[in-house]
Amino acid sequence: MERISLLAGSEEVIEASLASIDAAREEVLLAMYWLGDDDVGKRVLDALGRAAERGVTTRLSVDGFGSILLGSARLDELRARGAEALVFHPLSPFASRFAPDSVTVRDHRKLLVIDRARAIVGGVNFAQPPGPPWRDYAACVESPRVARLLARHFFTTWRRSGGAPPASPPPREARSPKIEVLAAGGLHHARAVRLAYLVALRAARRTVLIEHAYFVPDRAVLQAILRAAKRGLEVRVVLPEWSDVTVVSLASHAIVSRLQRAGAHVHLLRAPILHAKAAVIDGWATVGSANLDHVSLRNNLELNVATHDPAFVAALTREIRADIARSGELSRETWKARPLLRRFAERAAYQFRKLL
């Protein structure tokens, strides 16, 4: 029996992850882009340490850029408790596995696999961001078949980072008919996230709901969204009024007028900070770590899950529509009235979209 459920909000995702680590009996695999040297990060490291101390095989992989503020002493403390810990593509030229040509490839995944039977996949970093908790999602998957596939993704990167292969490698298995794993970018040389969006958008007949923090899609994805709106579908795009990365907000705002002219509805969420990467297209839904931008889909390592599960689709639809109600719709008249200097900044930022 395979089950997938939605976790909404960074606090819910973190608490569910900590509970899953504490319940682990055999193995914990965690790949995390940003593991903070803060209260959240310390709670996660302590949970991993407790798991290792009770005999659970525990492996942690953090990104060298995203977790740059996490001191090596923290990882040494975790290793002393019996866990294994590695840094993916470290930035220090003195690191044993430093490679200048790999600096632009980051492990942006947020993946937790428990006992190869349960997994949490989403966009939530295990860190305390500035201000209130960010708006984000994750999927909790209960399926040995999917969990073993996700473990294979973990170990592909783990071994390339210098980690020892597992004593019992996850076997190759047939795909789940209910839950799809989408990988993107980097070492996998995969474009599954982008292709899944294109297939869903081109086949859409009723509704397209997109909620993305960093929304600078390439030409093909943007055209698919515009064509869906021109076909008369309900197309709604929820963006942050301002994100934690100002230049990306400016670049995404540069295409708002094009979306509106095609008939799409654009909503700017003021608070909390939007960090989600989610979509519902008819009866298909996806959440994960992949942004709709060049860096995510072509450079970074990313993981999403997608499903047609009615309960999951309905839950994510409710969450996105709640954000739509909170933000209201941005009118064309209001958008046209924004200052000329801001328009110039948006266009300038958009020129660098392939670097974002």
Protein backbone atom coordinates (compact mmCIF):
# COMPACT_ATOMS: atom_id res chain seq x y z
CA MET A 1 0.00 0.00 0.00
CA GLU A 2 1.51 3.31 -1.11
CA ARG A 3 0.51 6.55 0.55
CA ILE A 4 1.46 10.16 -0.07
CA SER A 5 0.42 13.09 2.11
CA LEU A 6 1.10 16.81 2.06
CA LEU A 7 3.09 18.65 4.70
CA ALA A 8 2.41 22.40 4.58
CA GLY A 9 4.65 24.95 6.23
CA SER A 10 8.29 24.67 7.26
CA GLU A 11 7.47 23.97 10.90
CA GLU A 12 5.25 20.98 10.05
CA VAL A 13 7.89 19.58 7.71
CA ILE A 14 10.69 19.91 10.27
CA GLU A 15 8.65 18.37 13.10
CA ALA A 16 7.56 15.45 10.90
CA SER A 17 11.17 14.89 9.84
CA LEU A 18 12.44 14.88 13.42
CA ALA A 19 9.74 12.41 14.43
CA SER A 20 10.66 10.16 11.50
CA ILE A 21 14.35 10.19 12.44
CA ASP A 22 13.48 9.32 16.03
CA ALA A 23 11.33 6.41 14.81
CA ALA A 24 14.02 4.99 12.49
CA ARG A 25 15.14 1.44 13.24
CA GLU A 26 17.67 0.57 10.53
CA GLU A 27 18.75 3.50 8.35
CA VAL A 28 18.52 7.29 8.02
CA LEU A 29 19.63 9.07 4.84
CA LEU A 30 19.49 12.87 4.78
CA ALA A 31 20.55 15.11 1.89
CA MET A 32 20.09 18.76 2.82
CA TYR A 33 21.01 21.91 0.94
CA TRP A 34 20.96 24.27 3.93
CA LEU A 35 21.50 22.75 7.36
CA GLY A 36 21.78 25.68 9.71
CA ASP A 37 24.18 26.27 12.56
CA ASP A 38 21.16 27.38 14.59
CA ASP A 39 18.45 25.92 16.81
CA VAL A 40 16.79 24.02 13.96
CA GLY A 41 20.07 22.62 12.68
CA LYS A 42 21.13 21.61 16.17
CA ARG A 43 17.85 19.76 16.71
CA VAL A 44 18.32 17.86 13.47
CA LEU A 45 21.96 17.01 14.21
CA ASP A 46 21.01 15.83 17.68
CA ALA A 47 18.25 13.61 16.27
CA LEU A 48 20.74 12.12 13.80
CA GLY A 49 23.23 11.59 16.62
CA ARG A 50 20.63 9.82 18.74
CA ALA A 51 19.76 7.56 15.81
CA ALA A 52 23.41 6.64 15.30
CA GLU A 53 23.91 5.95 19.00
CA ARG A 54 21.06 3.45 19.05
CA GLY A 55 22.64 1.53 16.17
CA VAL A 56 20.79 3.03 13.20
CA THR A 57 22.99 3.47 10.11
CA THR A 58 22.97 7.24 9.71
CA ARG A 59 24.30 9.21 6.75
CA LEU A 60 24.19 12.98 6.23
CA SER A 61 25.12 14.89 3.08
CA VAL A 62 25.08 18.71 3.11
CA ASP A 63 25.82 21.11 0.29
CA GLY A 64 29.09 22.99 0.48
CA PHE A 65 27.50 26.32 -0.46
CA GLY A 66 24.07 26.08 1.13
CA SER A 67 25.51 24.87 4.44
CA ILE A 68 28.65 26.99 4.32
CA LEU A 69 27.96 28.43 7.79
CA LEU A 70 27.71 24.97 9.32
CA GLY A 71 31.08 24.56 10.97
CA SER A 72 33.13 21.43 10.41
CA ALA A 73 33.12 20.96 14.17
CA ARG A 74 29.38 20.23 14.02
CA LEU A 75 29.94 17.43 11.53
CA ASP A 76 32.87 16.10 13.56
CA GLU A 77 30.61 15.96 16.63
CA LEU A 78 28.05 13.98 14.63
CA ARG A 79 30.73 11.58 13.37
CA ALA A 80 31.92 11.07 16.93
CA ARG A 81 28.43 9.81 17.78
CA GLY A 82 28.64 7.15 15.05
CA ALA A 83 27.10 8.81 12.01
CA GLU A 84 28.68 9.39 8.61
CA ALA A 85 28.70 12.94 7.23
CA LEU A 86 29.96 14.40 3.95
CA VAL A 87 29.99 17.79 2.24
CA PHE A 88 28.90 17.88 -1.40
CA HIS A 89 31.19 20.02 -3.60
CA PRO A 90 32.99 21.93 -0.83
CA LEU A 91 33.95 25.50 -1.68
CA SER A 92 37.26 25.54 0.13
CA PRO A 93 40.20 25.01 -2.26
CA PHE A 94 41.91 23.18 0.60
CA ALA A 95 39.17 20.54 0.82
CA SER A 96 40.22 17.08 -0.33
CA ARG A 97 37.46 16.86 -2.95
CA PHE A 98 37.47 20.47 -4.15
CA ALA A 99 37.00 20.82 -7.92
CA PRO A 100 36.79 24.29 -9.52
CA ASP A 101 34.56 23.09 -12.36
CA SER A 102 31.97 21.77 -9.90
CA VAL A 103 31.42 24.99 -7.95
CA THR A 104 28.31 25.90 -9.96
CA VAL A 105 26.67 22.49 -9.39
CA ARG A 106 24.91 22.42 -6.05
CA ASP A 107 22.94 19.71 -4.26
CA HIS A 108 19.71 21.63 -3.74
CA ARG A 109 17.70 18.58 -2.66
CA LYS A 110 15.84 18.27 0.62
CA LEU A 111 15.53 14.51 0.99
CA LEU A 112 15.02 12.27 4.00
CA VAL A 113 14.73 8.49 3.63
CA ILE A 114 13.88 6.33 6.64
CA ASP A 115 14.43 2.55 6.67
CA ARG A 116 13.99 2.53 2.87
CA ALA A 117 10.26 2.51 3.52
CA ARG A 118 9.35 6.13 4.18
CA ALA A 119 10.59 9.43 2.74
CA ILE A 120 10.02 13.15 3.00
CA VAL A 121 10.76 15.18 -0.14
CA GLY A 122 10.20 18.91 -0.46
CA GLY A 123 11.60 22.41 -0.46
CA VAL A 124 12.17 23.02 3.24
CA ASN A 125 15.70 23.62 4.48
CA PHE A 126 16.58 22.51 7.99
CA ALA A 127 17.55 25.96 9.19
CA GLN A 128 16.02 28.98 10.88
CA PRO A 129 15.44 31.64 8.21
CA PRO A 130 15.21 35.32 9.15
CA GLY A 131 11.75 36.39 10.24
CA PRO A 132 8.70 34.12 10.58
CA PRO A 133 8.62 30.56 9.15
CA TRP A 134 8.62 30.47 5.36
CA ARG A 135 5.75 29.21 3.21
CA ASP A 136 6.79 25.85 1.78
CA TYR A 137 5.70 22.26 1.21
CA ALA A 138 6.91 18.69 1.33
CA ALA A 139 5.46 15.29 0.55
CA CYS A 140 5.54 12.42 3.01
CA VAL A 141 5.75 9.18 1.04
CA GLU A 142 5.10 5.77 2.58
CA SER A 143 6.22 3.29 -0.04
CA PRO A 144 9.20 0.92 0.09
CA ARG A 145 9.43 0.99 -3.70
CA VAL A 146 9.63 4.80 -3.89
CA ALA A 147 11.85 5.04 -0.80
CA ARG A 148 14.35 2.60 -2.32
CA LEU A 149 14.41 4.64 -5.54
CA LEU A 150 15.07 7.80 -3.53
CA ALA A 151 17.82 5.98 -1.66
CA ARG A 152 19.45 5.19 -5.02
CA HIS A 153 19.45 8.92 -5.82
CA PHE A 154 21.05 9.60 -2.43
CA PHE A 155 23.80 7.03 -2.89
CA THR A 156 24.67 8.20 -6.42
CA THR A 157 25.76 11.53 -4.97
CA TRP A 158 27.10 10.00 -1.77
CA ARG A 159 29.61 7.85 -3.62
CA ARG A 160 30.72 10.70 -5.89
CA SER A 161 31.36 12.74 -2.74
CA GLY A 162 33.72 10.05 -1.44
CA GLY A 163 31.28 8.08 0.69
CA ALA A 164 31.57 4.33 1.00
CA PRO A 165 28.94 2.31 -0.88
CA PRO A 166 26.21 0.78 1.28
CA ALA A 167 26.54 -2.82 2.38
CA SER A 168 23.14 -3.44 0.83
CA PRO A 169 22.61 -1.24 -2.26
CA PRO A 170 18.99 -0.38 -3.08
CA PRO A 171 17.83 -2.62 -5.94
CA ARG A 172 16.53 -1.36 -9.25
CA GLU A 173 12.77 -1.61 -9.30
CA ALA A 174 9.81 -0.85 -11.50
CA ARG A 175 8.38 2.61 -11.10
CA SER A 176 5.47 3.25 -8.83
CA PRO A 177 2.18 3.72 -10.71
CA LYS A 178 1.04 6.24 -8.09
CA ILE A 179 4.06 8.33 -7.10
CA GLU A 180 6.63 9.58 -9.59
CA VAL A 181 10.15 10.65 -8.63
CA LEU A 182 11.44 13.55 -10.74
CA ALA A 183 15.16 14.31 -10.81
CA ALA A 184 16.77 17.35 -12.36
CA GLY A 185 20.16 18.64 -13.28
CA GLY A 186 23.75 18.16 -12.28
CA LEU A 187 25.20 14.70 -11.92
CA HIS A 188 22.00 12.95 -12.99
CA HIS A 189 21.95 14.76 -16.36
CA ALA A 190 18.18 14.50 -16.06
CA ARG A 191 15.46 16.92 -17.05
CA ALA A 192 12.56 15.03 -15.55
CA VAL A 193 11.08 17.99 -13.66
CA ARG A 194 11.06 20.26 -16.71
CA LEU A 195 9.66 17.53 -18.96
CA ALA A 196 6.94 16.67 -16.45
CA TYR A 197 5.82 20.30 -16.34
CA LEU A 198 5.78 20.52 -20.12
CA VAL A 199 3.73 17.33 -20.49
CA ALA A 200 1.22 18.42 -17.83
CA LEU A 201 0.88 21.97 -19.18
CA ARG A 202 0.40 20.87 -22.78
CA ALA A 203 -2.23 18.32 -21.77
CA ALA A 204 -4.07 20.64 -19.35
CA ARG A 205 -7.77 21.16 -19.97
CA ARG A 206 -9.11 22.92 -16.85
CA THR A 207 -6.80 24.42 -14.24
CA VAL A 208 -3.16 25.41 -13.81
CA LEU A 209 -2.09 26.55 -10.32
CA ILE A 210 1.59 27.39 -9.93
CA GLU A 211 3.15 28.61 -6.68
CA HIS A 212 6.87 29.30 -6.99
CA ALA A 213 9.33 31.37 -5.04
CA TYR A 214 11.87 31.65 -7.86
CA PHE A 215 9.93 31.74 -11.11
CA VAL A 216 12.05 32.44 -14.20
CA PRO A 217 11.00 29.63 -16.56
CA ASP A 218 12.79 28.95 -19.81
CA ARG A 219 11.17 29.70 -23.15
CA ALA A 220 9.46 26.32 -23.59
CA VAL A 221 7.90 26.23 -20.11
CA LEU A 222 6.81 29.87 -20.28
CA GLN A 223 5.23 29.33 -23.70
CA ALA A 224 3.37 26.29 -22.39
CA ILE A 225 1.93 28.38 -19.54
CA LEU A 226 0.96 31.23 -21.89
CA ARG A 227 -0.71 28.83 -24.33
CA ALA A 228 -2.70 27.22 -21.53
CA ALA A 229 -4.01 30.67 -20.56
CA LYS A 230 -4.82 31.51 -24.19
CA ARG A 231 -6.81 28.27 -24.45
CA GLY A 232 -9.13 29.69 -21.81
CA LEU A 233 -7.97 27.59 -18.87
CA GLU A 234 -7.91 28.97 -15.35
CA VAL A 235 -4.21 29.77 -14.98
CA ARG A 236 -3.06 31.28 -11.69
CA VAL A 237 0.55 31.99 -10.74
CA VAL A 238 1.42 32.82 -7.13
CA LEU A 239 4.74 34.63 -6.70
CA PRO A 240 6.35 36.37 -3.74
CA GLU A 241 5.98 40.12 -3.73
CA TRP A 242 9.64 40.04 -2.70
CA SER A 243 11.70 36.94 -2.03
CA ASP A 244 14.92 36.47 -0.11
CA VAL A 245 16.77 36.83 -3.44
CA THR A 246 15.86 40.26 -4.80
CA VAL A 247 17.35 39.83 -8.27
CA VAL A 248 15.22 36.71 -8.85
CA SER A 249 12.08 38.57 -7.77
CA LEU A 250 12.89 41.32 -10.24
CA ALA A 251 13.48 38.80 -13.04
CA SER A 252 10.23 36.97 -12.33
CA HIS A 253 8.28 40.24 -12.18
CA ALA A 254 9.59 41.04 -15.67
CA ILE A 255 7.26 38.42 -17.17
CA VAL A 256 4.13 39.33 -15.20
CA SER A 257 2.74 41.51 -18.01
CA ARG A 258 3.15 38.69 -20.52
CA LEU A 259 1.23 36.35 -18.25
CA GLN A 260 -1.56 38.88 -17.78
CA ARG A 261 -1.87 39.64 -21.50
CA ALA A 262 -2.31 35.92 -22.17
CA GLY A 263 -5.15 35.76 -19.66
CA ALA A 264 -3.33 34.31 -16.65
CA HIS A 265 -4.05 35.59 -13.14
CA VAL A 266 -1.02 36.69 -11.13
CA HIS A 267 -0.96 36.91 -7.33
CA LEU A 268 1.84 38.41 -5.24
CA LEU A 269 2.07 36.96 -1.74
CA ARG A 270 3.31 39.52 0.77
CA ALA A 271 3.80 37.37 3.87
CA PRO A 272 5.12 35.01 4.92
CA ILE A 273 8.18 34.68 2.68
CA LEU A 274 7.26 32.31 -0.14
CA HIS A 275 9.75 29.49 -0.66
CA ALA A 276 7.44 26.94 -2.29
CA LYS A 277 8.00 25.05 -5.54
CA ALA A 278 4.58 23.54 -6.19
CA ALA A 279 1.96 23.13 -8.88
CA VAL A 280 -1.44 21.58 -9.49
CA ILE A 281 -2.36 21.02 -13.13
CA ASP A 282 -5.77 19.41 -13.51
CA GLY A 283 -5.45 16.20 -11.46
CA TRP A 284 -1.65 16.21 -11.30
CA ALA A 285 0.40 17.76 -8.50
CA THR A 286 4.07 18.18 -7.70
CA VAL A 287 6.17 19.51 -4.84
CA GLY A 288 9.90 19.40 -4.24
CA SER A 289 13.12 21.34 -4.35
CA ALA A 290 13.17 22.35 -8.04
CA ASN A 291 12.57 25.97 -8.90
CA LEU A 292 11.33 26.90 -12.36
CA ASP A 293 14.57 28.60 -13.30
CA HIS A 294 17.70 27.82 -15.29
CA VAL A 295 20.01 27.02 -12.37
CA SER A 296 17.58 24.57 -10.78
CA LEU A 297 16.60 22.69 -13.90
CA ARG A 298 19.98 22.61 -15.66
CA ASN A 299 22.73 22.91 -13.03
CA ASN A 300 21.63 21.80 -9.58
CA LEU A 301 20.69 18.41 -8.26
CA GLU A 302 16.96 18.54 -7.54
CA LEU A 303 14.20 16.15 -6.51
CA ASN A 304 10.44 16.48 -6.82
CA VAL A 305 7.66 14.00 -6.41
CA ALA A 306 4.51 14.06 -8.52
CA THR A 307 1.23 12.25 -8.20
CA HIS A 308 -2.36 11.97 -9.37
CA ASP A 309 -3.47 10.90 -5.89
CA PRO A 310 -6.83 12.69 -5.39
CA ALA A 311 -6.35 13.43 -1.68
CA PHE A 312 -2.88 14.91 -2.23
CA VAL A 313 -4.04 16.97 -5.21
CA ALA A 314 -7.00 18.27 -3.21
CA ALA A 315 -4.84 19.16 -0.20
CA LEU A 316 -2.29 21.07 -2.28
CA THR A 317 -5.08 22.81 -4.20
CA ARG A 318 -6.58 24.04 -0.92
CA GLU A 319 -3.24 25.40 0.26
CA ILE A 320 -2.50 27.24 -2.98
CA ARG A 321 -6.01 28.66 -3.19
CA ALA A 322 -5.69 29.87 0.40
CA ASP A 323 -2.57 31.80 -0.62
CA ILE A 324 -4.44 33.14 -3.64
CA ALA A 325 -7.19 34.42 -1.32
CA ARG A 326 -4.63 35.99 1.02
CA SER A 327 -2.78 37.78 -1.74
CA GLY A 328 -5.61 38.90 -4.00
CA GLU A 329 -5.20 39.32 -7.74
CA LEU A 330 -2.75 41.79 -9.23
CA SER A 331 -4.65 43.94 -11.73
CA ARG A 332 -3.12 44.97 -15.05
CA GLU A 333 -3.79 48.61 -14.23
CA THR A 334 -1.90 48.43 -10.93
CA TRP A 335 1.00 46.64 -12.56
CA LYS A 336 1.23 49.15 -15.40
CA ALA A 337 1.44 51.98 -12.86
CA ARG A 338 4.64 50.75 -11.21
CA PRO A 339 7.61 53.17 -11.41
CA LEU A 340 9.76 53.27 -14.53
CA LEU A 341 12.90 52.68 -12.50
CA ARG A 342 11.46 49.41 -11.22
CA ARG A 343 10.57 48.33 -14.76
CA PHE A 344 14.14 49.03 -15.83
CA ALA A 345 15.48 46.96 -12.91
CA GLU A 346 13.16 44.07 -13.82
CA ARG A 347 14.26 44.04 -17.44
CA ALA A 348 17.91 44.27 -16.44
CA ALA A 349 17.55 41.34 -14.05
CA TYR A 350 15.75 39.28 -16.69
CA GLN A 351 18.71 39.63 -19.04
CA PHE A 352 20.68 37.50 -16.58
CA ARG A 353 17.97 34.84 -16.27
CA LYS A 354 20.27 32.01 -17.37
CA LEU A 355 22.47 32.74 -14.36
CA LEU A 356 19.55 32.63 -11.89
